[in-house]
Protein backbone atom coordinates (compact mmCIF):
# COMPACT_ATOMS: atom_id res chain seq x y z
CA MET A 1 -0.05 0.01 0.20
CA ALA A 2 1.29 3.19 -0.74
CA ARG A 3 2.30 5.65 1.86
CA ARG A 4 0.18 8.59 2.46
CA ALA A 5 1.14 12.38 2.24
CA LEU A 6 -1.27 15.03 3.19
CA VAL A 7 -0.41 18.57 1.70
CA VAL A 8 -1.81 21.77 3.31
CA GLY A 9 -2.10 24.47 1.15
CA GLY A 10 -3.30 24.25 -2.73
CA SER A 11 -1.38 26.91 -4.26
CA ILE A 12 1.33 26.53 -6.65
CA GLY A 13 3.94 25.01 -4.20
CA GLY A 14 1.49 22.59 -2.49
CA LEU A 15 0.26 21.54 -6.27
CA ALA A 16 3.82 20.99 -7.17
CA ALA A 17 4.67 18.98 -4.02
CA ALA A 18 1.47 16.95 -4.63
CA ALA A 19 2.14 15.94 -8.30
CA LEU A 20 6.00 15.05 -7.73
CA LEU A 21 5.11 12.95 -4.40
CA ASP A 22 2.46 11.31 -6.57
CA ARG A 23 5.13 10.66 -9.06
CA ALA A 24 7.29 9.29 -6.40
CA GLY A 25 4.52 6.71 -5.43
CA TRP A 26 2.88 8.31 -2.86
CA ASP A 27 -1.23 8.70 -2.43
CA VAL A 28 -1.52 12.45 -1.98
CA GLU A 29 -4.23 14.60 -0.84
CA VAL A 30 -4.45 18.28 -0.89
CA PHE A 31 -6.34 20.52 1.49
CA GLU A 32 -6.79 24.19 0.54
CA ARG A 33 -8.41 26.60 3.17
CA VAL A 34 -10.17 28.73 0.60
CA GLU A 35 -13.52 27.37 -0.83
CA VAL A 36 -13.24 28.18 -4.41
CA GLU A 37 -10.61 27.38 -7.11
CA LEU A 38 -7.60 29.82 -6.26
CA SER A 39 -6.76 32.63 -8.60
CA GLY A 40 -3.67 35.12 -8.47
CA ARG A 41 -5.48 38.09 -10.32
CA GLY A 42 -3.27 37.44 -13.12
CA ALA A 43 0.06 38.33 -11.38
CA GLY A 44 3.34 38.10 -13.33
CA ILE A 45 5.80 35.54 -12.50
CA VAL A 46 9.42 35.46 -13.81
CA THR A 47 10.51 32.05 -14.60
CA HIS A 48 14.01 30.53 -14.02
CA PRO A 49 15.29 27.27 -15.47
CA PRO A 50 14.92 25.47 -12.21
CA LEU A 51 11.14 26.28 -12.19
CA LEU A 52 10.85 24.86 -15.64
CA ASP A 53 12.73 21.70 -14.81
CA ALA A 54 10.13 21.26 -11.71
CA LEU A 55 7.35 21.81 -13.97
CA LYS A 56 8.43 19.01 -16.25
CA ALA A 57 9.28 16.67 -13.41
CA ALA A 58 5.71 17.22 -12.36
CA GLY A 59 4.48 16.16 -15.66
CA ALA A 60 2.83 19.71 -16.12
CA ASP A 61 2.47 21.24 -19.76
CA THR A 62 5.25 23.82 -20.11
CA GLY A 63 4.35 24.56 -23.86
CA ASP A 64 3.14 28.51 -24.51
CA LEU A 65 3.97 29.15 -21.11
CA GLY A 66 4.23 33.18 -21.31
CA VAL A 67 5.82 36.05 -23.08
CA VAL A 68 9.74 36.49 -23.69
CA SER A 69 11.07 39.64 -22.75
CA GLU A 70 14.54 40.31 -24.87
CA HIS A 71 15.69 43.41 -23.20
CA ARG A 72 15.99 45.04 -19.93
CA VAL A 73 15.63 48.96 -20.11
CA GLY A 74 15.91 51.75 -17.75
CA PHE A 75 14.11 55.11 -17.83
CA ASP A 76 14.98 58.52 -16.33
CA ALA A 77 12.61 60.92 -14.79
CA THR A 78 11.60 62.27 -18.26
CA GLY A 79 10.61 58.84 -19.42
CA ALA A 80 13.43 58.74 -21.69
CA GLU A 81 15.39 55.19 -22.19
CA ILE A 82 18.86 55.70 -20.52
CA ALA A 83 20.02 52.12 -20.40
CA ARG A 84 19.74 48.98 -22.11
CA PHE A 85 20.85 45.26 -22.26
CA ALA A 86 20.00 41.99 -23.78
CA PHE A 87 18.46 39.72 -21.40
CA SER A 88 16.04 37.07 -22.59
CA GLN A 89 13.72 36.01 -19.84
CA LEU A 90 10.30 34.08 -20.04
CA VAL A 91 7.52 35.62 -17.93
CA THR A 92 4.54 33.86 -16.98
CA SER A 93 1.51 34.64 -14.81
CA TRP A 94 0.40 32.98 -11.64
CA ASP A 95 -2.89 31.70 -12.89
CA CYS A 96 -1.21 30.04 -15.86
CA LEU A 97 1.10 28.03 -13.61
CA GLN A 98 -1.61 27.30 -11.20
CA ALA A 99 -3.61 25.91 -13.92
CA ARG A 100 -1.08 23.85 -15.46
CA LEU A 101 -0.27 22.09 -11.84
CA ARG A 102 -3.76 21.79 -10.96
CA ALA A 103 -4.28 19.82 -13.86
CA ARG A 104 -1.80 17.18 -12.42
CA VAL A 105 -3.98 16.65 -9.37
CA PRO A 106 -7.32 14.87 -9.66
CA ASP A 107 -10.41 16.56 -8.38
CA ASP A 108 -11.02 13.98 -5.83
CA ARG A 109 -7.74 14.52 -4.34
CA TYR A 110 -7.85 18.32 -4.06
CA HIS A 111 -10.15 19.74 -1.25
CA LEU A 112 -11.37 23.23 -0.97
CA GLY A 113 -12.73 24.79 2.54
CA HIS A 114 -10.64 23.01 4.52
CA VAL A 115 -8.92 25.23 7.25
CA LEU A 116 -6.48 23.31 9.17
CA GLN A 117 -7.14 23.61 12.95
CA SER A 118 -4.72 21.38 14.39
CA PHE A 119 -2.36 18.14 13.99
CA ALA A 120 -0.58 15.60 16.08
CA CYS A 121 2.23 13.18 15.29
CA ASP A 122 2.29 9.90 16.94
CA GLY A 123 4.20 6.78 16.32
CA GLY A 124 5.59 8.00 12.65
CA ARG A 125 1.68 8.81 11.75
CA VAL A 126 0.26 12.45 11.60
CA GLN A 127 -3.32 13.29 12.31
CA LEU A 128 -4.93 16.36 10.65
CA ARG A 129 -8.04 18.26 12.13
CA PHE A 130 -10.12 20.82 10.40
CA ALA A 131 -12.46 23.29 11.23
CA ASN A 132 -15.15 21.92 9.34
CA GLY A 133 -14.83 18.63 11.46
CA HIS A 134 -13.08 16.66 8.70
CA GLU A 135 -10.01 14.46 9.90
CA ALA A 136 -7.22 12.91 8.02
CA GLU A 137 -4.25 10.53 8.71
CA GLY A 138 -1.18 9.96 6.96
CA ASP A 139 2.51 9.27 6.76
CA LEU A 140 3.43 12.69 6.05
CA LEU A 141 2.04 16.26 6.28
CA VAL A 142 3.57 18.88 3.93
CA GLY A 143 3.03 22.53 5.03
CA ALA A 144 2.68 24.57 1.90
CA ASP A 145 0.41 27.01 3.36
CA GLY A 146 2.07 30.00 2.99
CA PHE A 147 3.73 32.86 4.94
CA ARG A 148 0.72 32.58 7.22
CA SER A 149 1.32 28.94 7.69
CA THR A 150 -0.51 27.11 10.46
CA VAL A 151 1.77 24.06 10.09
CA ARG A 152 4.78 26.42 10.71
CA GLN A 153 3.17 28.42 13.90
CA ALA A 154 2.88 24.68 15.38
CA LEU A 155 6.14 24.01 14.85
CA PHE A 156 7.95 27.34 15.55
CA PRO A 157 5.60 29.70 17.27
CA GLN A 158 8.41 32.16 17.59
CA VAL A 159 8.61 32.61 14.00
CA ARG A 160 6.45 35.56 12.88
CA PRO A 161 6.58 37.90 9.66
CA ASP A 162 8.45 40.98 10.15
CA TYR A 163 7.35 44.02 8.22
CA ALA A 164 10.24 45.51 6.15
CA GLY A 165 8.99 49.19 5.98
CA TYR A 166 7.64 49.04 2.50
CA VAL A 167 4.69 47.66 0.10
CA VAL A 168 4.51 46.51 -3.34
CA TRP A 169 1.72 47.79 -5.56
CA ARG A 170 0.75 45.92 -8.41
CA GLY A 171 -1.55 46.14 -11.48
CA LEU A 172 -2.20 44.82 -14.85
CA VAL A 173 -2.73 46.69 -17.99
CA SER A 174 -4.40 45.32 -21.18
CA GLU A 175 -2.11 45.97 -24.05
CA ALA A 176 -4.85 47.06 -26.31
CA ASP A 177 -5.96 49.95 -23.88
CA LEU A 178 -2.47 51.63 -24.00
CA PRO A 179 -1.74 54.87 -25.96
CA ALA A 180 0.71 54.15 -28.86
CA ALA A 181 3.37 55.97 -27.72
CA ALA A 182 3.72 54.47 -24.11
CA ARG A 183 3.03 50.92 -25.38
CA ASP A 184 5.76 51.22 -28.17
CA GLN A 185 8.20 52.62 -25.48
CA VAL A 186 7.53 50.59 -22.75
CA PHE A 187 5.53 47.33 -23.40
CA ASP A 188 7.94 44.90 -24.75
CA HIS A 189 10.47 45.41 -22.27
CA PHE A 190 11.65 44.55 -18.76
CA GLY A 191 11.49 48.05 -17.57
CA PHE A 192 12.95 50.01 -14.73
CA HIS A 193 12.63 53.35 -13.31
CA LEU A 194 13.70 54.75 -9.86
CA PRO A 195 11.69 57.73 -8.87
CA GLU A 196 13.61 60.20 -6.75
CA GLY A 197 13.14 59.25 -3.28
CA ASP A 198 10.19 57.18 -3.64
CA GLY A 199 10.91 53.27 -4.44
CA GLU A 200 11.23 51.62 -7.48
CA VAL A 201 9.28 50.57 -10.46
CA ILE A 202 9.36 47.71 -12.89
CA GLY A 203 7.40 46.03 -15.24
CA TYR A 204 7.12 43.55 -18.02
CA PRO A 205 4.65 41.80 -20.39
CA ILE A 206 2.83 38.86 -19.66
CA ALA A 207 -0.07 36.78 -21.34
CA GLY A 208 -3.64 38.21 -21.69
CA PRO A 209 -6.46 36.38 -19.93
CA GLU A 210 -6.62 32.54 -20.30
CA ASN A 211 -2.69 32.75 -21.30
CA ASP A 212 -3.43 34.66 -24.65
CA LEU A 213 -0.01 35.32 -26.16
CA ARG A 214 -1.28 37.28 -29.38
CA PRO A 215 0.00 40.72 -29.80
CA GLY A 216 -2.51 43.22 -28.82
CA HIS A 217 -4.28 40.76 -26.35
CA ARG A 218 -1.31 40.84 -23.73
CA ARG A 219 -1.19 42.59 -20.43
CA TYR A 220 1.61 44.77 -18.85
CA ASN A 221 2.61 43.89 -15.39
CA PHE A 222 3.16 47.18 -13.22
CA VAL A 223 5.10 46.79 -9.94
CA TRP A 224 5.80 49.60 -7.70
CA TYR A 225 7.79 49.53 -4.51
CA ARG A 226 7.13 52.14 -2.00
CA THR A 227 8.02 53.08 1.61
CA ALA A 228 5.18 53.11 4.52
CA GLY A 229 5.93 53.42 7.97
CA ALA A 230 3.96 51.09 10.53
CA GLU A 231 1.40 53.72 11.28
CA GLN A 232 0.81 54.60 7.36
CA LEU A 233 0.56 50.84 6.63
CA ARG A 234 -2.11 50.34 9.43
CA ASP A 235 -4.03 53.16 7.81
CA MET A 236 -3.59 51.66 4.27
CA LEU A 237 -4.87 48.11 5.70
CA THR A 238 -8.04 49.78 7.22
CA ASP A 239 -11.07 49.19 4.97
CA GLU A 240 -14.05 51.78 4.37
CA ALA A 241 -15.81 50.16 7.20
CA GLY A 242 -12.93 50.72 9.80
CA VAL A 243 -11.87 47.27 10.03
CA THR A 244 -7.98 46.99 10.32
CA HIS A 245 -6.97 43.85 8.55
CA ASP A 246 -3.99 41.72 9.82
CA LEU A 247 -0.85 41.29 7.55
CA SER A 248 -2.81 42.19 4.15
CA ILE A 249 -5.92 43.55 3.01
CA PRO A 250 -8.20 41.66 0.34
CA PRO A 251 -7.90 43.91 -2.81
CA PRO A 252 -11.53 44.62 -3.17
CA LEU A 253 -11.34 46.33 0.23
CA ILE A 254 -8.79 48.89 -0.31
CA ARG A 255 -9.99 52.33 0.17
CA GLY A 256 -10.82 54.63 -2.87
CA ASP A 257 -8.66 57.36 -1.13
CA VAL A 258 -5.61 55.09 -0.70
CA LEU A 259 -6.04 54.22 -4.49
CA ALA A 260 -6.45 57.86 -5.48
CA GLY A 261 -3.49 59.02 -3.39
CA LEU A 262 -1.32 56.40 -5.08
CA LYS A 263 -2.41 57.83 -8.57
CA ALA A 264 -1.75 61.47 -7.18
CA ASP A 265 1.94 60.73 -6.03
CA ALA A 266 2.23 58.97 -9.67
CA ARG A 267 1.60 62.23 -11.34
CA ALA A 268 3.93 64.20 -9.26
CA LYS A 269 6.78 61.53 -9.53
CA LEU A 270 6.61 59.13 -12.54
CA PRO A 271 7.32 60.06 -16.26
CA ALA A 272 4.22 60.20 -18.37
CA ASN A 273 4.98 56.90 -20.00
CA LEU A 274 4.62 55.16 -16.63
CA ILE A 275 1.81 57.22 -15.54
CA ALA A 276 0.06 56.08 -18.65
CA MET A 277 0.66 52.51 -17.44
CA LEU A 278 -0.74 53.01 -14.21
CA ASP A 279 -3.78 54.99 -15.39
CA HIS A 280 -4.83 52.25 -17.36
CA ALA A 281 -4.00 49.43 -14.99
CA HIS A 282 -6.92 47.48 -13.44
CA SER A 283 -6.95 45.18 -10.47
CA LEU A 284 -4.64 47.43 -8.42
CA PHE A 285 -3.67 46.12 -5.24
CA PHE A 286 -0.74 46.13 -2.56
CA THR A 287 0.98 43.52 -0.28
CA PRO A 288 3.23 44.47 2.43
CA ILE A 289 6.83 43.49 2.28
CA TYR A 290 7.62 40.88 5.13
CA ASP A 291 10.56 38.84 6.18
CA LEU A 292 10.30 35.16 7.41
CA ALA A 293 12.88 32.66 8.15
CA SER A 294 12.42 29.47 9.92
CA PRO A 295 14.98 27.53 11.91
CA ALA A 296 14.24 24.32 10.53
CA MET A 297 12.12 23.03 7.71
CA THR A 298 10.93 19.57 9.22
CA GLY A 299 9.39 18.36 12.21
CA PRO A 300 8.32 14.70 13.14
CA SER A 301 6.61 13.44 9.93
CA VAL A 302 6.30 16.92 8.88
CA ALA A 303 7.92 18.98 6.07
CA LEU A 304 7.45 23.02 5.19
CA ALA A 305 7.87 24.24 1.65
CA GLY A 306 7.70 27.30 -0.03
CA ASP A 307 6.63 30.50 1.77
CA ALA A 308 5.79 28.51 4.84
CA ALA A 309 9.49 27.81 5.70
CA PHE A 310 11.16 31.11 4.09
CA LEU A 311 9.48 33.92 2.64
CA ALA A 312 11.89 36.01 0.24
CA ARG A 313 10.89 39.37 -0.90
CA PRO A 314 9.89 39.37 -4.47
CA HIS A 315 12.94 41.41 -5.85
CA ILE A 316 14.87 38.05 -6.81
CA GLY A 317 11.73 36.87 -8.71
CA ALA A 318 12.07 33.24 -7.22
CA GLY A 319 9.18 32.42 -4.63
CA VAL A 320 7.56 30.30 -6.90
CA THR A 321 10.93 28.75 -8.13
CA LYS A 322 11.85 28.08 -4.70
CA ALA A 323 8.71 26.43 -3.70
CA CYS A 324 8.80 24.18 -6.75
CA GLU A 325 12.32 23.17 -5.90
CA ASP A 326 11.55 22.41 -2.35
CA ALA A 327 8.82 20.22 -4.05
CA VAL A 328 11.37 18.59 -6.30
CA ALA A 329 13.69 17.91 -3.48
CA LEU A 330 11.15 16.64 -1.25
CA ALA A 331 9.83 14.07 -3.43
CA GLU A 332 13.41 12.85 -4.49
CA CYS A 333 14.35 12.45 -0.78
CA LEU A 334 11.12 10.50 0.14
CA SER A 335 11.09 8.26 -3.13
CA GLY A 336 11.15 4.43 -2.95
CA ASP A 337 10.87 2.95 0.30
CA ARG A 338 13.17 5.43 2.30
CA PRO A 339 11.95 6.11 5.77
CA VAL A 340 10.27 9.10 6.22
CA ALA A 341 12.56 10.40 9.13
CA GLU A 342 15.60 10.02 6.85
CA GLY A 343 14.15 11.32 4.08
CA LEU A 344 13.12 14.18 6.04
CA ARG A 345 16.55 14.75 7.10
CA ALA A 346 17.88 14.85 3.70
CA TYR A 347 15.52 17.05 2.57
CA GLU A 348 16.48 19.51 5.08
CA ALA A 349 20.06 19.21 4.24
CA ALA A 350 19.38 19.80 0.70
CA ARG A 351 17.07 22.98 1.07
CA LEU A 352 17.99 24.77 4.40
CA ALA A 353 20.89 26.32 3.34
CA ALA A 354 19.46 27.04 -0.14
CA ASN A 355 16.46 28.61 1.29
CA ARG A 356 18.50 31.00 3.64
CA LYS A 357 20.64 32.13 0.75
CA ALA A 358 17.65 33.14 -1.06
CA TRP A 359 15.93 34.94 1.84
CA ALA A 360 19.59 36.58 2.33
CA ARG A 361 19.88 37.68 -1.10
CA SER A 362 16.25 39.18 -1.21
CA ARG A 363 16.76 41.12 1.93
CA TYR A 364 19.90 42.62 0.39
CA MET A 365 18.35 43.59 -2.79
CA GLY A 366 15.37 45.40 -0.92
CA GLU A 367 17.32 47.05 1.93
CA TYR A 368 17.85 50.29 0.09
CA LEU A 369 13.90 50.72 0.30
CA MET A 370 13.80 50.25 4.10
CA PRO A 371 13.33 53.34 6.57
CA GLN A 372 16.78 52.67 8.06
CA PHE A 373 18.44 53.48 4.71
CA ARG A 374 16.40 56.56 3.82
CA ASP A 375 18.29 59.31 5.55
CA ALA A 376 21.48 61.12 3.85
CA ALA A 377 24.03 58.70 5.24
CA GLY A 378 22.14 55.28 4.29
CA LYS A 379 21.63 56.87 0.74
CA ALA A 380 24.96 57.58 0.15
CA GLU A 381 26.31 54.13 1.58
CA TRP A 382 23.95 52.11 -0.64
CA ALA A 383 24.16 54.37 -3.79
CA ALA A 384 27.29 52.80 -5.16
CA GLN A 385 25.52 49.32 -5.11
CA HIS A 386 21.92 49.87 -5.37
CA ASN A 387 21.59 52.11 -8.38
CA LEU A 388 19.60 51.65 -11.75
CA HIS A 389 22.38 49.73 -13.24
CA THR A 390 22.98 47.36 -10.72
CA ILE A 391 19.24 46.90 -9.89
CA MET A 392 18.60 46.05 -13.76
CA ARG A 393 21.32 43.55 -13.35
CA ASP A 394 20.47 41.77 -10.41
CA THR A 395 16.58 41.87 -10.25
CA ALA A 396 15.13 38.44 -10.81
CA VAL A 397 18.44 36.58 -11.31
CA LEU A 398 19.27 33.51 -9.34
CA ASN A 399 22.70 34.82 -8.66
CA PHE A 400 22.85 33.90 -4.67
CA ALA A 401 24.00 30.47 -5.05
């Protein structure tokens, strides 16, 4: 009889773990807390070779995965191009990756609306209890439930997300909606701009809805990193009803005046071609940037994977890649008849140091945005290392090995 793995978290990392463990001979079930099929609002995902390798290993379709951006281009305060170099990179969307991996997990093994309440390990078995009263038992629990992970909180209650002092705004722009001048100047490239004293803007083309890759039907992923103090963040996380949300706020609940403030600041601080991008963006939302690093990635009969273990800031563009690499290693370490305890030790040896390096590199990439580096001394200290050219060179590059 096949050993049984219970995966908590039905996003990309959990799906990858489920598909790969299934291929390694495990009987796998996935439990997702949300009650409807997941959607990432079309958010862009930068790919790397290890991510593509993981998709292939999971049996997922990798054809027509996204848009290839051939150049990285930097813009100055007037919107003029001041830097360019060739850098071919495939960019896809969260929805596309989710759909490709979701197709690898049978519907009867994927359970929506299951909020993990508690778990216990006894004699090499793990028992799960969910808020809806459902119970499950298996040989392995995989905590792939994101940076708010219930599994991690049970293993390491002292580990909490640590706010970095800035947020990232994201929005999607339909290619067909853009004025011709802005589209011709910006759309096809992985673009970069550093507004004076107000963070960092990047953007790149991705597929249109339902992975539509036809020119004229694609979208542009607009990203703006902006500092926000603790009190300002608290205000931004407060909705129209006066409810302050913990850690993040659902996009539909972001107040109108917060969105209006973003657009007013854009008009004052961004060049016209990037203002056009923001003006035509839909589904605008922000995410506070947090740091999170677990002291270990395993417990008795338990493995942590992806953001549940280490939350890397998005500057390195490796969150999804990292989660899928965790899934590949976990399946490899637990293949065959290898004892679970031995396999988990091998998994931690394979992935703990690698995750720490990714986490550290992502902090380094974003530190110049943090409040302690916003004074004159901090700016001078980091200017030589964090300028437009180095940011263009190092963003979304796996150079932290």
